[in-house]
Amino acid sequence: MGAWLLHKLAWALGIGAVATMVLYMGDWAVWRIRVARGGGMDEVQRTEVQVASLKGNKLEYYYGGQWMAACSRSIFPQAGEGACWWIERHREVIKRY
C-alpha cells in the first residue's frame, strides 16, 4: 500500500509541476504581448520605514521617503521586477536595524 501511495504522490507532484510551468509560460506570453503593445509594465508608489532597536526593547521609527517602483502587470514577476498585484498589497518596505 505504501508504494501505491508514493506512486500517486509522485504522479500528483509531476502534474503540479507541469501545470505550474504551463501557467508560467502562458503568463510570460501574455505579458510579452502587453509589453509589445505598451502596457506590460506599470509603477506603484512605495513607502520606506526604517525601524531601529533601542535599549529597553524600544523601537524608533524613521520615515525613509516614497518612490515609484516599476512592476510587471502579470501573475509572476517578469523582467526582474515584482508583479504589480503583489507590490500593491505590500506598499510599505520596512527595514529593521
N, C-alpha and C. Protein backbone atom coordinates (compact mmCIF):
# COMPACT_ATOMS: atom_id res chain seq x y z
N MET A 1 0.82 -1.20 0.00
CA MET A 1 0.00 0.00 0.00
C MET A 1 0.87 1.26 0.00
N GLY A 2 2.03 1.22 0.67
CA GLY A 2 2.92 2.38 0.72
C GLY A 2 3.47 2.74 -0.64
N ALA A 3 3.80 1.74 -1.46
CA ALA A 3 4.34 2.01 -2.79
C ALA A 3 3.27 2.63 -3.69
N TRP A 4 2.03 2.19 -3.54
CA TRP A 4 0.94 2.74 -4.33
C TRP A 4 0.73 4.22 -3.99
N LEU A 5 0.75 4.53 -2.68
CA LEU A 5 0.58 5.91 -2.23
C LEU A 5 1.73 6.79 -2.71
N LEU A 6 2.95 6.26 -2.63
CA LEU A 6 4.12 7.00 -3.08
C LEU A 6 4.05 7.26 -4.59
N HIS A 7 3.57 6.28 -5.34
CA HIS A 7 3.41 6.44 -6.79
C HIS A 7 2.39 7.52 -7.11
N LYS A 8 1.27 7.51 -6.42
CA LYS A 8 0.22 8.53 -6.65
C LYS A 8 0.71 9.92 -6.26
N LEU A 9 1.47 10.00 -5.16
CA LEU A 9 2.00 11.28 -4.73
C LEU A 9 3.00 11.83 -5.75
N ALA A 10 3.88 10.98 -6.26
CA ALA A 10 4.84 11.40 -7.28
C ALA A 10 4.12 11.84 -8.55
N TRP A 11 3.08 11.14 -8.92
CA TRP A 11 2.29 11.49 -10.10
C TRP A 11 1.63 12.86 -9.91
N ALA A 12 1.05 13.10 -8.73
CA ALA A 12 0.39 14.37 -8.45
C ALA A 12 1.40 15.52 -8.45
N LEU A 13 2.58 15.29 -7.88
CA LEU A 13 3.62 16.33 -7.89
C LEU A 13 4.09 16.63 -9.31
N GLY A 14 4.20 15.61 -10.13
CA GLY A 14 4.58 15.81 -11.53
C GLY A 14 3.55 16.62 -12.29
N ILE A 15 2.28 16.29 -12.09
CA ILE A 15 1.20 17.05 -12.74
C ILE A 15 1.21 18.50 -12.26
N GLY A 16 1.43 18.71 -10.96
CA GLY A 16 1.50 20.07 -10.42
C GLY A 16 2.66 20.86 -11.01
N ALA A 17 3.81 20.20 -11.17
CA ALA A 17 4.98 20.88 -11.75
C ALA A 17 4.72 21.26 -13.20
N VAL A 18 4.13 20.36 -13.96
CA VAL A 18 3.83 20.65 -15.37
C VAL A 18 2.80 21.77 -15.47
N ALA A 19 1.77 21.74 -14.62
CA ALA A 19 0.75 22.79 -14.64
C ALA A 19 1.36 24.15 -14.30
N THR A 20 2.28 24.18 -13.34
CA THR A 20 2.94 25.43 -12.98
C THR A 20 3.78 25.97 -14.13
N MET A 21 4.51 25.08 -14.81
CA MET A 21 5.32 25.52 -15.95
C MET A 21 4.44 26.05 -17.08
N VAL A 22 3.32 25.39 -17.35
CA VAL A 22 2.41 25.85 -18.41
C VAL A 22 1.82 27.21 -18.03
N LEU A 23 1.44 27.38 -16.76
CA LEU A 23 0.90 28.66 -16.30
C LEU A 23 1.95 29.76 -16.44
N TYR A 24 3.19 29.49 -16.06
CA TYR A 24 4.25 30.49 -16.17
C TYR A 24 4.51 30.86 -17.63
N MET A 25 4.57 29.88 -18.51
CA MET A 25 4.81 30.17 -19.93
C MET A 25 3.66 30.97 -20.53
N GLY A 26 2.42 30.64 -20.16
CA GLY A 26 1.28 31.41 -20.63
C GLY A 26 1.29 32.83 -20.10
N ASP A 27 1.64 32.99 -18.83
CA ASP A 27 1.74 34.31 -18.23
C ASP A 27 2.81 35.13 -18.93
N TRP A 28 3.96 34.51 -19.21
CA TRP A 28 5.05 35.20 -19.90
C TRP A 28 4.61 35.63 -21.30
N ALA A 29 3.92 34.75 -22.03
CA ALA A 29 3.48 35.07 -23.39
C ALA A 29 2.49 36.24 -23.38
N VAL A 30 1.53 36.22 -22.47
CA VAL A 30 0.57 37.32 -22.38
C VAL A 30 1.28 38.61 -21.99
N TRP A 31 2.23 38.53 -21.06
CA TRP A 31 2.98 39.71 -20.63
C TRP A 31 3.80 40.29 -21.78
N ARG A 32 4.44 39.43 -22.60
CA ARG A 32 5.22 39.91 -23.74
C ARG A 32 4.33 40.64 -24.75
N ILE A 33 3.13 40.12 -24.97
CA ILE A 33 2.19 40.79 -25.88
C ILE A 33 1.81 42.15 -25.32
N ARG A 34 1.56 42.23 -24.01
CA ARG A 34 1.24 43.51 -23.38
C ARG A 34 2.40 44.49 -23.50
N VAL A 35 3.63 44.01 -23.30
CA VAL A 35 4.80 44.88 -23.41
C VAL A 35 4.91 45.41 -24.84
N ALA A 36 4.69 44.55 -25.82
CA ALA A 36 4.76 44.97 -27.22
C ALA A 36 3.72 46.04 -27.54
N ARG A 37 2.59 45.99 -26.86
CA ARG A 37 1.54 46.99 -27.08
C ARG A 37 1.68 48.19 -26.16
N GLY A 38 2.67 48.15 -25.25
CA GLY A 38 2.93 49.30 -24.38
C GLY A 38 2.23 49.26 -23.04
N GLY A 39 1.74 48.12 -22.60
CA GLY A 39 1.01 48.09 -21.34
C GLY A 39 1.44 47.00 -20.38
N GLY A 40 2.61 46.42 -20.55
CA GLY A 40 3.02 45.31 -19.70
C GLY A 40 3.69 45.71 -18.41
N MET A 41 4.14 46.97 -18.33
CA MET A 41 4.82 47.45 -17.13
C MET A 41 4.02 48.61 -16.54
N ASP A 42 4.19 48.80 -15.23
CA ASP A 42 3.49 49.88 -14.54
C ASP A 42 4.38 50.34 -13.39
N GLU A 43 3.92 51.32 -12.63
CA GLU A 43 4.64 51.80 -11.46
C GLU A 43 3.68 51.88 -10.29
N VAL A 44 4.21 51.58 -9.11
CA VAL A 44 3.43 51.63 -7.88
C VAL A 44 4.21 52.46 -6.87
N GLN A 45 3.51 53.34 -6.15
CA GLN A 45 4.17 54.16 -5.15
C GLN A 45 4.42 53.33 -3.89
N ARG A 46 5.67 53.34 -3.41
CA ARG A 46 6.05 52.59 -2.22
C ARG A 46 6.59 53.54 -1.17
N THR A 47 6.51 53.12 0.09
CA THR A 47 6.98 53.91 1.21
C THR A 47 7.98 53.09 2.01
N GLU A 48 9.08 53.73 2.40
CA GLU A 48 10.08 53.05 3.22
C GLU A 48 10.01 53.55 4.65
N VAL A 49 10.02 52.61 5.59
CA VAL A 49 10.07 52.92 7.02
C VAL A 49 11.24 52.15 7.60
N GLN A 50 12.13 52.86 8.30
CA GLN A 50 13.26 52.21 8.94
C GLN A 50 12.98 52.12 10.43
N VAL A 51 13.25 50.94 10.99
CA VAL A 51 12.99 50.69 12.41
C VAL A 51 14.31 50.37 13.08
N ALA A 52 14.65 51.15 14.12
CA ALA A 52 15.89 50.93 14.86
C ALA A 52 15.56 50.42 16.26
N SER A 53 16.26 49.39 16.69
CA SER A 53 16.09 48.86 18.04
C SER A 53 16.91 49.70 19.02
N LEU A 54 16.27 50.07 20.12
CA LEU A 54 16.94 50.84 21.16
C LEU A 54 17.01 50.02 22.44
N LYS A 55 17.63 50.58 23.45
CA LYS A 55 17.72 49.90 24.74
C LYS A 55 16.33 49.75 25.34
N GLY A 56 16.17 48.73 26.16
CA GLY A 56 14.89 48.54 26.85
C GLY A 56 13.79 48.03 25.94
N ASN A 57 14.15 47.33 24.88
CA ASN A 57 13.18 46.77 23.92
C ASN A 57 12.29 47.84 23.30
N LYS A 58 12.84 49.02 23.10
CA LYS A 58 12.10 50.11 22.46
C LYS A 58 12.47 50.17 20.99
N LEU A 59 11.56 50.70 20.21
CA LEU A 59 11.78 50.85 18.77
C LEU A 59 11.63 52.31 18.39
N GLU A 60 12.45 52.75 17.45
CA GLU A 60 12.33 54.09 16.92
C GLU A 60 12.11 53.99 15.42
N TYR A 61 11.12 54.72 14.92
CA TYR A 61 10.74 54.64 13.51
C TYR A 61 11.22 55.88 12.77
N TYR A 62 11.78 55.67 11.57
CA TYR A 62 12.24 56.76 10.72
C TYR A 62 11.55 56.63 9.37
N TYR A 63 10.99 57.73 8.94
CA TYR A 63 10.35 57.76 7.62
C TYR A 63 11.44 57.86 6.57
N GLY A 64 11.47 56.92 5.64
CA GLY A 64 12.52 56.87 4.63
C GLY A 64 12.14 57.47 3.29
N GLY A 65 10.92 57.92 3.13
CA GLY A 65 10.50 58.54 1.88
C GLY A 65 9.65 57.62 1.01
N GLN A 66 9.22 58.18 -0.11
CA GLN A 66 8.40 57.45 -1.06
C GLN A 66 9.08 57.45 -2.42
N TRP A 67 8.80 56.43 -3.20
CA TRP A 67 9.33 56.36 -4.55
C TRP A 67 8.38 55.52 -5.41
N MET A 68 8.54 55.66 -6.70
CA MET A 68 7.75 54.88 -7.64
C MET A 68 8.57 53.64 -8.03
N ALA A 69 8.02 52.47 -7.79
CA ALA A 69 8.69 51.21 -8.10
C ALA A 69 8.08 50.62 -9.36
N ALA A 70 8.93 50.19 -10.28
CA ALA A 70 8.46 49.54 -11.50
C ALA A 70 7.94 48.15 -11.16
N CYS A 71 6.92 47.72 -11.89
CA CYS A 71 6.36 46.38 -11.68
C CYS A 71 5.78 45.86 -13.00
N SER A 72 5.62 44.55 -13.06
CA SER A 72 5.08 43.93 -14.28
C SER A 72 3.62 43.57 -14.06
N ARG A 73 2.79 43.85 -15.05
CA ARG A 73 1.37 43.50 -14.98
C ARG A 73 1.22 42.04 -15.41
N SER A 74 1.50 41.14 -14.48
CA SER A 74 1.46 39.71 -14.75
C SER A 74 1.24 38.95 -13.45
N ILE A 75 1.04 37.66 -13.55
CA ILE A 75 0.85 36.83 -12.36
C ILE A 75 2.18 36.63 -11.65
N PHE A 76 3.23 36.32 -12.41
CA PHE A 76 4.56 36.08 -11.87
C PHE A 76 5.45 37.29 -12.14
N PRO A 77 6.51 37.49 -11.34
CA PRO A 77 7.45 38.58 -11.63
C PRO A 77 8.10 38.38 -12.99
N GLN A 78 8.24 39.46 -13.75
CA GLN A 78 8.85 39.41 -15.08
C GLN A 78 9.85 40.55 -15.20
N ALA A 79 10.86 40.39 -16.03
CA ALA A 79 11.86 41.42 -16.34
C ALA A 79 12.57 41.94 -15.10
N GLY A 80 12.73 41.10 -14.10
CA GLY A 80 13.44 41.50 -12.89
C GLY A 80 12.63 42.39 -11.97
N GLU A 81 11.38 42.59 -12.25
CA GLU A 81 10.51 43.43 -11.42
C GLU A 81 9.42 42.56 -10.81
N GLY A 82 8.94 42.96 -9.65
CA GLY A 82 7.87 42.22 -8.99
C GLY A 82 6.55 42.39 -9.73
N ALA A 83 5.63 41.49 -9.46
CA ALA A 83 4.30 41.58 -10.04
C ALA A 83 3.53 42.71 -9.36
N CYS A 84 2.81 43.51 -10.14
CA CYS A 84 2.09 44.67 -9.60
C CYS A 84 1.08 44.28 -8.53
N TRP A 85 0.38 43.16 -8.72
CA TRP A 85 -0.63 42.76 -7.75
C TRP A 85 0.00 42.52 -6.39
N TRP A 86 1.24 42.03 -6.34
CA TRP A 86 1.90 41.76 -5.07
C TRP A 86 2.43 43.05 -4.46
N ILE A 87 3.05 43.89 -5.28
CA ILE A 87 3.62 45.14 -4.78
C ILE A 87 2.51 46.07 -4.27
N GLU A 88 1.36 46.08 -4.93
CA GLU A 88 0.25 46.92 -4.48
C GLU A 88 -0.25 46.50 -3.11
N ARG A 89 -0.12 45.23 -2.77
CA ARG A 89 -0.54 44.74 -1.46
C ARG A 89 0.55 44.87 -0.40
N HIS A 90 1.77 45.18 -0.83
CA HIS A 90 2.91 45.33 0.09
C HIS A 90 3.63 46.64 -0.22
N ARG A 91 2.92 47.74 -0.07
CA ARG A 91 3.47 49.05 -0.44
C ARG A 91 4.53 49.53 0.54
N GLU A 92 4.43 49.14 1.81
CA GLU A 92 5.40 49.58 2.80
C GLU A 92 6.60 48.66 2.83
N VAL A 93 7.79 49.24 2.75
CA VAL A 93 9.03 48.49 2.87
C VAL A 93 9.59 48.82 4.25
N ILE A 94 9.67 47.82 5.12
CA ILE A 94 10.14 48.03 6.48
C ILE A 94 11.54 47.44 6.60
N LYS A 95 12.49 48.31 6.94
CA LYS A 95 13.88 47.88 7.14
C LYS A 95 14.18 47.96 8.62
N ARG A 96 14.61 46.84 9.18
CA ARG A 96 14.93 46.80 10.61
C ARG A 96 16.44 46.81 10.81
N TYR A 97 16.88 47.62 11.77
CA TYR A 97 18.30 47.72 12.09
C TYR A 97 18.52 47.34 13.53
